[in-house]
Amino acid sequence: MEGGARKIVTIFIVCSIFLPPTSARLGPKGLRIGFYENSCPRAEEIVAEVVSEAYRKDPGIAAGFLRIFFHDCFVNGCDASILLDSTPSGGKIEKDSPANGKFLRGFEVIDTAKARLESECPGIVSCADTLSFATRDGSVLAGVPQYNMPGGRRDGLVSRAEDVGRNMPFFNAPIQQITELFVKKGLTQEEMVVLTGAHSIGVAHCPSFAYRVNKYNDTFQTDPKLDDADSANIKSACQRQVSNEEIEKTTLPFDTHTPFKMDGGFYTNLLKGTGLIESDQAMALDPRTRPVVERLAEDEGKWLNQFGRAMSRLAAVDVKTGSEGEIRKQCRSVNLENKGNTGIAQNLGKTNNDEDPGKLDEVEDSGKSDYAEDASTHVNSSDVVQSGNYFDSSHTFDSGINFDSSNTAGLSDSSDYTHHFPSNSIDSLHDFMRTMP
């Protein structure tokens, strides 16, 4: 384990020596590989060391970072707003959303990394970049090949619980609905499938999938897509005679064979029909996404490399740069000088999703996917397209539960999807189902 943990720091140092020229290192909206090479040369190395220490104690932390990162970027852009414990407005924050709540974990590791960065380079490295680097480093320790993560993000001043629901997919949503959410963030349908492979590691809590064996719909008591073994496993874990609180805490791994290793087993399981989360399983059933699942299942190395590239693109969604936002001194609160600027904070907290949905900010280097296949599929949210074929919603996999876009939901730990509970499910588990690593 220690050798694996040291790997990331060694790789970081080697890669730093061979960084490409500055002109080739520019990313969306001024993000840049090696952003801190002059202002805080050891920034990424410091984060890598902290993550390695945490991973040695708990390899599940890699999935925890993924969840925090997805939930941050999908709401108001990658601005570390999810790390805030309070804001100048005094309103409910993103952490208060039922889609996040008590199941988020990994904050203490980010706090430690930020404290070490402040000790070495006060006021230089943002919390948004700290989270981005930590997520990359955790994924690398879990098996993803080292990939470049540009820096230059600044930290947001706004964090609103109400923003979470309308920016997160339901776990029982049709593929078209989930695709449109990714498209809104400037990502393609293929990238959606690639990034959902984050469920290769981590676990999900019972509220995320127990409904599949508990009055699934008016016709079936149990989801007919589940085989007998998986159905029995879910019932054994989630229908015990214990308190609802205990059920909420109960988890099952996404991949029972390699729960801490990023590998192609996730996609193989989907093709076998054994996906734990229903919206994950839908990708192997929908005719527009199944070919992607098949390709990724056949070539694990291809998926791992695509995952790193897709993560770099996700990390550029609605970023704040230049004079926007701030560089927080500590990640759980805005800086003292901004605590009274509620009006300014509300303005700086806006994203460009409404003004320009379906694409990332201006890209100085390249904003396209560099995938060999389906690279041109920058999907339009009104005519969801992949590989030149229009996406017909009538062909969308029907989960058996009505999709209600008025309810809130969210991606979960290790990027998992959160969904709305059917009305006949366990009452005291609230209106949400959560997943996490």
Protein backbone atom coordinates (compact mmCIF):
# COMPACT_ATOMS: atom_id res chain seq x y z
CA MET A 1 0.00 0.00 0.00
CA GLU A 2 2.78 2.46 0.89
CA GLY A 3 4.50 1.86 -2.43
CA GLY A 4 1.28 2.62 -4.26
CA ALA A 5 0.78 5.76 -2.20
CA ARG A 6 4.30 6.98 -3.02
CA LYS A 7 3.65 6.45 -6.72
CA ILE A 8 1.61 9.60 -7.14
CA VAL A 9 4.27 11.92 -5.73
CA THR A 10 6.97 10.29 -7.87
CA ILE A 11 4.85 10.54 -11.01
CA PHE A 12 4.05 14.18 -10.22
CA ILE A 13 7.74 15.09 -9.97
CA VAL A 14 8.63 13.27 -13.20
CA CYS A 15 5.71 14.83 -15.09
CA SER A 16 6.64 18.29 -13.82
CA ILE A 17 10.03 18.00 -15.53
CA PHE A 18 8.44 17.32 -18.89
CA LEU A 19 5.62 19.86 -18.88
CA PRO A 20 4.70 21.07 -22.39
CA PRO A 21 5.47 24.64 -23.50
CA THR A 22 3.19 27.34 -22.09
CA SER A 23 1.42 27.83 -25.42
CA ALA A 24 0.35 24.17 -25.35
CA ARG A 25 -0.70 24.26 -21.71
CA LEU A 26 -3.52 26.79 -21.83
CA GLY A 27 -7.00 25.57 -21.05
CA PRO A 28 -10.53 26.96 -20.86
CA LYS A 29 -10.84 30.53 -19.66
CA GLY A 30 -7.15 30.87 -18.87
CA LEU A 31 -6.68 27.68 -16.85
CA ARG A 32 -3.13 26.47 -17.28
CA ILE A 33 -1.10 23.35 -16.60
CA GLY A 34 1.61 24.26 -14.12
CA PHE A 35 -0.27 27.39 -13.04
CA TYR A 36 1.62 27.57 -9.73
CA GLU A 37 5.09 26.72 -11.03
CA ASN A 38 6.38 30.21 -10.14
CA SER A 39 4.05 31.38 -7.35
CA CYS A 40 3.95 28.11 -5.38
CA PRO A 41 6.18 25.52 -7.10
CA ARG A 42 5.34 22.68 -4.70
CA ALA A 43 1.57 23.24 -4.71
CA GLU A 44 0.56 20.07 -6.54
CA GLU A 45 3.22 18.03 -4.78
CA ILE A 46 1.92 19.16 -1.37
CA VAL A 47 -1.64 18.14 -2.28
CA ALA A 48 -0.38 14.80 -3.61
CA GLU A 49 1.44 14.11 -0.33
CA VAL A 50 -1.65 14.85 1.77
CA VAL A 51 -3.86 12.70 -0.45
CA SER A 52 -1.36 9.84 -0.32
CA GLU A 53 -1.32 9.96 3.48
CA ALA A 54 -5.13 9.86 3.59
CA TYR A 55 -5.35 7.08 1.00
CA ARG A 56 -3.01 4.85 3.00
CA LYS A 57 -5.46 5.05 5.92
CA ASP A 58 -8.65 4.85 3.85
CA PRO A 59 -8.55 4.01 0.12
CA GLY A 60 -12.27 4.81 -0.05
CA ILE A 61 -11.33 8.49 0.21
CA ALA A 62 -10.66 8.52 -3.55
CA ALA A 63 -14.36 7.96 -4.19
CA GLY A 64 -15.20 10.62 -1.60
CA PHE A 65 -13.19 13.22 -3.52
CA LEU A 66 -14.95 12.27 -6.73
CA ARG A 67 -18.34 12.84 -5.20
CA ILE A 68 -17.43 16.24 -3.74
CA PHE A 69 -15.84 17.27 -7.04
CA PHE A 70 -18.82 16.25 -9.20
CA HIS A 71 -21.28 17.94 -6.86
CA ASP A 72 -19.20 21.10 -6.82
CA CYS A 73 -18.71 21.43 -10.58
CA PHE A 74 -22.28 20.53 -11.53
CA VAL A 75 -23.93 23.16 -9.33
CA ASN A 76 -22.22 26.55 -9.76
CA GLY A 77 -19.12 25.47 -11.57
CA CYS A 78 -15.82 24.25 -10.14
CA ASP A 79 -15.48 26.98 -7.52
CA ALA A 80 -15.30 25.06 -4.21
CA SER A 81 -18.72 26.39 -3.19
CA ILE A 82 -19.54 22.93 -1.84
CA LEU A 83 -16.77 23.29 0.74
CA LEU A 84 -18.36 26.32 2.42
CA ASP A 85 -19.97 25.96 5.84
CA SER A 86 -21.56 29.40 5.61
CA THR A 87 -21.89 32.36 3.22
CA PRO A 88 -22.48 36.12 3.60
CA SER A 89 -26.19 35.64 2.83
CA GLY A 90 -26.67 33.38 5.84
CA GLY A 91 -28.90 31.06 3.81
CA LYS A 92 -28.78 27.30 3.50
CA ILE A 93 -25.64 26.12 1.78
CA GLU A 94 -25.02 23.30 -0.70
CA LYS A 95 -24.02 20.99 2.13
CA ASP A 96 -27.55 21.42 3.53
CA SER A 97 -29.14 19.95 0.42
CA PRO A 98 -30.53 16.44 0.95
CA ALA A 99 -28.56 15.46 -2.17
CA ASN A 100 -25.36 16.16 -0.19
CA GLY A 101 -25.99 16.21 3.52
CA LYS A 102 -24.13 14.05 5.97
CA PHE A 103 -22.96 11.58 3.34
CA LEU A 104 -20.27 13.83 1.87
CA ARG A 105 -16.81 13.01 3.15
CA GLY A 106 -13.24 14.05 2.52
CA PHE A 107 -13.50 17.65 3.70
CA GLU A 108 -10.93 17.17 6.44
CA VAL A 109 -8.33 16.04 3.91
CA ILE A 110 -8.96 19.14 1.81
CA ASP A 111 -8.63 21.24 4.96
CA THR A 112 -5.25 19.64 5.73
CA ALA A 113 -3.97 20.17 2.20
CA LYS A 114 -5.11 23.80 2.21
CA ALA A 115 -3.47 24.44 5.60
CA ARG A 116 -0.14 23.12 4.32
CA LEU A 117 -0.46 25.22 1.18
CA GLU A 118 -1.18 28.33 3.24
CA SER A 119 1.85 27.61 5.39
CA GLU A 120 4.12 27.44 2.33
CA CYS A 121 2.40 29.92 -0.01
CA PRO A 122 -0.13 32.13 1.84
CA GLY A 123 -3.04 33.36 -0.25
CA ILE A 124 -1.86 31.75 -3.48
CA VAL A 125 -3.59 28.41 -4.10
CA SER A 126 -7.38 28.37 -4.29
CA CYS A 127 -9.61 25.83 -2.61
CA ALA A 128 -11.10 25.05 -6.03
CA ASP A 129 -7.69 24.05 -7.35
CA THR A 130 -6.89 22.16 -4.14
CA LEU A 131 -10.05 20.07 -4.61
CA SER A 132 -9.32 19.54 -8.32
CA PHE A 133 -5.77 18.35 -7.63
CA ALA A 134 -6.88 16.12 -4.75
CA THR A 135 -9.57 14.49 -6.89
CA ARG A 136 -7.04 13.81 -9.63
CA ASP A 137 -4.52 12.41 -7.15
CA GLY A 138 -7.05 10.13 -5.48
CA SER A 139 -8.14 8.75 -8.85
CA VAL A 140 -4.54 8.09 -9.84
CA LEU A 141 -3.94 6.16 -6.63
CA ALA A 142 -7.06 4.13 -7.45
CA GLY A 143 -5.70 3.17 -10.86
CA VAL A 144 -6.25 6.00 -13.35
CA PRO A 145 -3.10 6.92 -15.33
CA GLN A 146 -1.56 10.24 -14.30
CA TYR A 147 -3.24 13.12 -16.13
CA ASN A 148 -2.68 16.87 -16.19
CA MET A 149 -5.06 19.04 -14.18
CA PRO A 150 -4.82 22.73 -15.15
CA GLY A 151 -4.91 25.30 -12.35
CA GLY A 152 -6.07 28.89 -12.07
CA ARG A 153 -9.56 28.53 -10.62
CA ARG A 154 -10.73 31.00 -8.01
CA ASP A 155 -13.14 30.36 -5.15
CA GLY A 156 -16.82 31.30 -5.21
CA LEU A 157 -18.53 33.39 -2.55
CA VAL A 158 -21.96 31.81 -2.93
CA SER A 159 -23.29 28.41 -1.89
CA ARG A 160 -27.06 27.82 -2.07
CA ALA A 161 -28.87 24.61 -1.24
CA GLU A 162 -31.61 25.42 -3.74
CA ASP A 163 -29.11 25.38 -6.62
CA VAL A 164 -28.32 21.71 -6.11
CA GLY A 165 -31.56 20.07 -7.20
CA ARG A 166 -31.92 21.69 -10.61
CA ASN A 167 -28.35 20.84 -11.55
CA MET A 168 -28.24 17.16 -10.58
CA PRO A 169 -29.61 14.07 -12.36
CA PHE A 170 -32.03 11.67 -10.73
CA PHE A 171 -30.88 8.11 -10.29
CA ASN A 172 -33.96 6.80 -12.07
CA ALA A 173 -33.93 9.45 -14.82
CA PRO A 174 -34.08 8.45 -18.50
CA ILE A 175 -30.80 8.66 -20.38
CA GLN A 176 -32.03 11.67 -22.35
CA GLN A 177 -32.59 13.68 -19.17
CA ILE A 178 -29.16 12.86 -17.79
CA THR A 179 -27.55 13.59 -21.16
CA GLU A 180 -29.15 17.02 -21.27
CA LEU A 181 -27.72 17.86 -17.85
CA PHE A 182 -24.23 16.95 -19.05
CA VAL A 183 -24.78 18.89 -22.26
CA LYS A 184 -25.74 21.93 -20.23
CA LYS A 185 -22.31 21.72 -18.66
CA GLY A 186 -20.65 21.54 -22.07
CA LEU A 187 -19.98 17.80 -21.97
CA THR A 188 -20.93 15.12 -24.48
CA GLN A 189 -23.04 12.03 -24.08
CA GLU A 190 -19.95 9.84 -24.42
CA GLU A 191 -18.23 11.84 -21.68
CA MET A 192 -21.30 11.20 -19.52
CA VAL A 193 -20.79 7.45 -19.93
CA VAL A 194 -17.04 7.76 -19.37
CA LEU A 195 -17.39 9.86 -16.22
CA THR A 196 -20.09 7.65 -14.75
CA GLY A 197 -17.36 5.00 -14.64
CA ALA A 198 -16.31 6.74 -11.42
CA HIS A 199 -18.74 4.22 -9.94
CA SER A 200 -15.99 1.69 -10.49
CA ILE A 201 -15.04 2.49 -6.89
CA GLY A 202 -16.98 3.25 -3.75
CA VAL A 203 -20.30 2.22 -2.30
CA ALA A 204 -23.94 3.29 -2.41
CA HIS A 205 -26.27 3.65 0.54
CA CYS A 206 -29.52 1.69 0.71
CA PRO A 207 -31.75 4.71 0.01
CA SER A 208 -30.21 4.83 -3.48
CA PHE A 209 -31.37 1.41 -4.60
CA ALA A 210 -33.63 -0.24 -1.98
CA TYR A 211 -36.73 0.89 -3.88
CA ARG A 212 -35.81 -1.60 -6.62
CA VAL A 213 -36.99 -4.45 -4.36
CA ASN A 214 -39.75 -2.63 -2.52
CA LYS A 215 -42.92 -2.00 -4.57
CA TYR A 216 -40.89 -1.02 -7.60
CA ASN A 217 -43.98 0.04 -9.56
CA ASP A 218 -47.66 -0.79 -9.95
CA THR A 219 -46.82 -3.94 -11.90
CA PHE A 220 -43.72 -5.30 -10.21
CA GLN A 221 -42.80 -5.64 -6.57
CA THR A 222 -39.15 -6.02 -7.63
CA ASP A 223 -37.37 -4.41 -10.56
CA PRO A 224 -37.53 -7.11 -13.28
CA LYS A 225 -34.08 -6.08 -14.50
CA LEU A 226 -32.53 -7.43 -11.29
CA ASP A 227 -31.54 -11.08 -11.21
CA ASP A 228 -32.46 -13.21 -8.20
CA ALA A 229 -29.02 -12.98 -6.61
CA ASP A 230 -28.83 -9.18 -6.77
CA SER A 231 -32.40 -8.84 -5.55
CA ALA A 232 -31.66 -11.09 -2.57
CA ASN A 233 -28.48 -9.17 -1.80
CA ILE A 234 -30.33 -5.85 -1.71
CA LYS A 235 -33.11 -7.26 0.45
CA SER A 236 -30.61 -8.76 2.87
CA ALA A 237 -28.83 -5.43 3.26
CA CYS A 238 -31.72 -2.99 3.19
CA GLN A 239 -34.79 -4.78 4.58
CA ARG A 240 -33.40 -5.68 7.99
CA GLN A 241 -35.47 -5.08 11.11
CA VAL A 242 -33.43 -2.11 12.30
CA SER A 243 -34.00 1.62 12.56
CA ASN A 244 -34.30 3.76 9.47
CA GLU A 245 -31.13 5.52 10.55
CA GLU A 246 -29.25 2.24 10.41
CA ILE A 247 -30.70 1.48 6.97
CA GLU A 248 -29.53 4.88 5.74
CA LYS A 249 -26.00 4.03 6.85
CA THR A 250 -25.98 0.59 5.21
CA THR A 251 -24.01 0.36 1.98
CA LEU A 252 -23.24 -2.01 -0.86
CA PRO A 253 -20.22 -1.66 -3.18
CA PHE A 254 -20.74 -0.76 -6.81
CA ASP A 255 -18.21 -3.45 -7.73
CA THR A 256 -17.94 -6.32 -5.26
CA HIS A 257 -14.73 -7.65 -6.84
CA THR A 258 -12.55 -4.50 -6.90
CA PRO A 259 -14.32 -1.83 -4.81
CA PHE A 260 -11.18 0.31 -4.46
CA LYS A 261 -9.72 -0.08 -7.96
CA MET A 262 -10.69 1.96 -10.99
CA ASP A 263 -11.10 -0.67 -13.69
CA GLY A 264 -13.40 -1.80 -16.48
CA GLY A 265 -15.39 -4.10 -14.23
CA PHE A 266 -18.05 -1.43 -13.83
CA TYR A 267 -18.93 -1.56 -17.53
CA THR A 268 -18.71 -5.34 -17.66
CA ASN A 269 -21.20 -5.48 -14.80
CA LEU A 270 -23.58 -3.19 -16.67
CA LEU A 271 -23.50 -5.49 -19.69
CA LYS A 272 -24.27 -8.39 -17.38
CA GLY A 273 -27.25 -6.48 -15.98
CA THR A 274 -25.84 -6.23 -12.45
CA GLY A 275 -25.54 -2.44 -12.09
CA LEU A 276 -26.52 -1.36 -8.59
CA ILE A 277 -27.82 2.10 -9.53
CA GLU A 278 -30.69 2.06 -12.00
CA SER A 279 -29.57 5.02 -14.09
CA ASP A 280 -26.15 3.39 -14.46
CA GLN A 281 -27.78 0.20 -15.70
CA ALA A 282 -29.85 2.22 -18.17
CA MET A 283 -26.68 3.11 -20.09
CA ALA A 284 -26.27 -0.54 -21.09
CA LEU A 285 -29.92 -0.80 -22.15
CA ASP A 286 -30.35 2.40 -24.11
CA PRO A 287 -29.42 1.97 -27.82
CA ARG A 288 -27.54 5.28 -27.91
CA THR A 289 -25.21 4.59 -25.00
CA ARG A 290 -24.85 0.82 -25.08
CA PRO A 291 -22.20 0.90 -27.84
CA VAL A 292 -20.07 3.20 -25.69
CA VAL A 293 -20.48 0.88 -22.69
CA GLU A 294 -19.44 -2.07 -24.87
CA ARG A 295 -16.32 -0.30 -26.14
CA LEU A 296 -15.24 0.73 -22.67
CA ALA A 297 -15.86 -2.76 -21.28
CA GLU A 298 -13.69 -4.23 -24.04
CA ASP A 299 -10.78 -1.82 -23.56
CA GLU A 300 -10.09 -0.88 -19.94
CA GLY A 301 -6.99 1.12 -20.88
CA LYS A 302 -8.99 3.22 -23.31
CA TRP A 303 -11.54 4.04 -20.64
CA LEU A 304 -8.92 4.93 -18.04
CA ASN A 305 -7.24 7.37 -20.42
CA GLN A 306 -10.55 8.86 -21.53
CA PHE A 307 -11.58 9.24 -17.91
CA GLY A 308 -8.59 11.48 -17.18
CA ARG A 309 -9.29 13.65 -20.21
CA ALA A 310 -12.99 13.91 -19.37
CA MET A 311 -12.17 14.85 -15.78
CA SER A 312 -9.95 17.69 -17.02
CA ARG A 313 -12.85 18.97 -19.12
CA LEU A 314 -15.31 18.66 -16.26
CA ALA A 315 -12.88 20.62 -14.10
CA ALA A 316 -13.20 23.56 -16.50
CA VAL A 317 -16.99 23.92 -16.18
CA ASP A 318 -18.03 27.50 -15.28
CA VAL A 319 -14.75 28.25 -13.54
CA LYS A 320 -14.03 31.61 -11.95
CA THR A 321 -10.71 33.15 -12.95
CA GLY A 322 -8.97 36.52 -13.03
CA SER A 323 -10.65 38.91 -10.60
CA GLU A 324 -13.75 36.76 -10.06
CA GLY A 325 -14.36 35.28 -6.62
CA GLU A 326 -11.40 35.13 -4.26
CA ILE A 327 -8.58 32.93 -2.97
CA ARG A 328 -9.94 31.72 0.37
CA LYS A 329 -7.62 31.55 3.33
CA GLN A 330 -9.49 28.48 4.54
CA CYS A 331 -11.98 26.48 2.54
CA ARG A 332 -14.98 26.46 4.87
CA SER A 333 -15.68 30.20 4.84
CA VAL A 334 -15.22 33.23 2.64
CA ASN A 335 -12.50 35.68 3.58
CA LEU A 336 -13.30 38.25 6.25
CA GLU A 337 -13.24 41.18 3.83
CA ASN A 338 -15.99 39.56 1.75
CA LYS A 339 -18.29 38.46 4.58
CA GLY A 340 -20.37 41.64 4.39
CA ASN A 341 -20.56 41.76 0.61
CA THR A 342 -23.72 39.76 0.17
CA GLY A 343 -24.79 41.64 -2.96
CA ILE A 344 -21.41 41.23 -4.58
CA ALA A 345 -21.34 37.59 -3.57
CA GLN A 346 -24.69 36.92 -5.18
CA ASN A 347 -23.43 38.42 -8.44
CA LEU A 348 -20.11 36.60 -8.38
CA GLY A 349 -21.91 33.36 -7.65
CA LYS A 350 -23.73 33.34 -10.97
CA THR A 351 -22.69 30.98 -13.70
CA ASN A 352 -23.04 31.26 -17.45
CA ASN A 353 -25.24 28.19 -17.80
CA ASP A 354 -28.37 30.17 -18.61
CA GLU A 355 -26.65 32.52 -21.04
CA ASP A 356 -24.77 29.89 -23.01
CA PRO A 357 -25.91 26.34 -22.27
CA GLY A 358 -24.27 23.49 -24.08
CA LYS A 359 -20.68 24.68 -24.22
CA LEU A 360 -17.74 25.49 -22.04
CA ASP A 361 -16.26 28.96 -21.73
CA GLU A 362 -13.97 30.09 -24.51
CA VAL A 363 -11.13 27.61 -24.88
CA GLU A 364 -7.69 28.89 -25.77
CA ASP A 365 -6.25 25.46 -26.41
CA SER A 366 -9.08 23.12 -27.32
CA GLY A 367 -12.57 22.62 -26.01
CA LYS A 368 -13.28 19.50 -27.96
CA SER A 369 -13.16 15.97 -26.78
CA ASP A 370 -10.05 14.29 -28.15
CA TYR A 371 -11.66 10.89 -28.29
CA ALA A 372 -10.99 8.89 -31.41
CA GLU A 373 -14.60 7.78 -31.50
CA ASP A 374 -17.68 10.00 -31.21
CA ALA A 375 -15.41 12.99 -30.68
CA SER A 376 -17.68 15.22 -32.72
CA THR A 377 -20.68 14.48 -30.56
CA HIS A 378 -20.95 17.78 -28.77
CA VAL A 379 -24.56 17.15 -27.97
CA ASN A 380 -27.23 19.80 -28.35
CA SER A 381 -29.74 19.76 -25.52
CA SER A 382 -32.70 20.18 -27.82
CA ASP A 383 -31.64 17.54 -30.35
CA VAL A 384 -29.55 15.15 -28.28
CA VAL A 385 -27.16 13.65 -30.78
CA GLN A 386 -24.49 10.99 -30.77
CA SER A 387 -22.43 9.79 -33.73
CA GLY A 388 -24.71 11.69 -36.08
CA ASN A 389 -27.89 10.00 -34.89
CA TYR A 390 -30.72 11.99 -33.33
CA PHE A 391 -31.68 10.81 -29.91
CA ASP A 392 -35.32 9.76 -29.88
CA SER A 393 -36.83 10.03 -26.43
CA SER A 394 -39.27 7.28 -27.29
CA HIS A 395 -36.29 4.93 -27.34
CA THR A 396 -35.14 6.02 -23.92
CA PHE A 397 -35.00 3.29 -21.33
CA ASP A 398 -37.95 3.57 -18.98
CA SER A 399 -36.91 2.88 -15.43
CA GLY A 400 -40.44 2.01 -14.37
CA ILE A 401 -40.64 5.05 -12.12
CA ASN A 402 -41.98 8.35 -13.38
CA PHE A 403 -39.34 11.02 -13.78
CA ASP A 404 -40.38 14.21 -12.04
CA SER A 405 -38.13 17.13 -12.90
CA SER A 406 -39.70 19.30 -10.22
CA ASN A 407 -37.97 17.31 -7.51
CA THR A 408 -34.36 17.76 -6.53
CA ALA A 409 -31.60 15.19 -6.75
CA GLY A 410 -27.86 14.80 -7.10
CA LEU A 411 -24.75 12.97 -8.11
CA SER A 412 -23.35 11.03 -5.21
CA ASP A 413 -20.07 9.88 -3.78
CA SER A 414 -17.79 8.62 -6.44
CA SER A 415 -20.11 10.60 -8.66
CA ASP A 416 -23.18 8.61 -7.91
CA TYR A 417 -26.65 9.73 -8.82
CA THR A 418 -29.19 10.80 -6.23
CA HIS A 419 -32.86 10.42 -6.92
CA HIS A 420 -36.35 11.04 -5.73
CA PHE A 421 -37.98 8.32 -3.65
CA PRO A 422 -41.14 6.80 -5.06
CA SER A 423 -44.09 7.72 -2.82
CA ASN A 424 -44.47 4.14 -1.62
CA SER A 425 -40.89 3.85 -0.37
CA ILE A 426 -39.64 4.11 3.20
CA ASP A 427 -41.21 7.34 4.47
CA SER A 428 -38.60 8.52 6.92
CA LEU A 429 -35.78 8.40 4.36
CA HIS A 430 -36.89 11.83 3.14
CA ASP A 431 -37.53 12.65 -0.51
CA PHE A 432 -34.07 11.70 -1.63
CA MET A 433 -31.88 8.73 -2.19
CA ARG A 434 -28.16 9.21 -1.84
CA THR A 435 -25.13 7.32 -3.02
CA MET A 436 -21.52 7.66 -1.93
CA PRO A 437 -18.26 5.75 -1.89
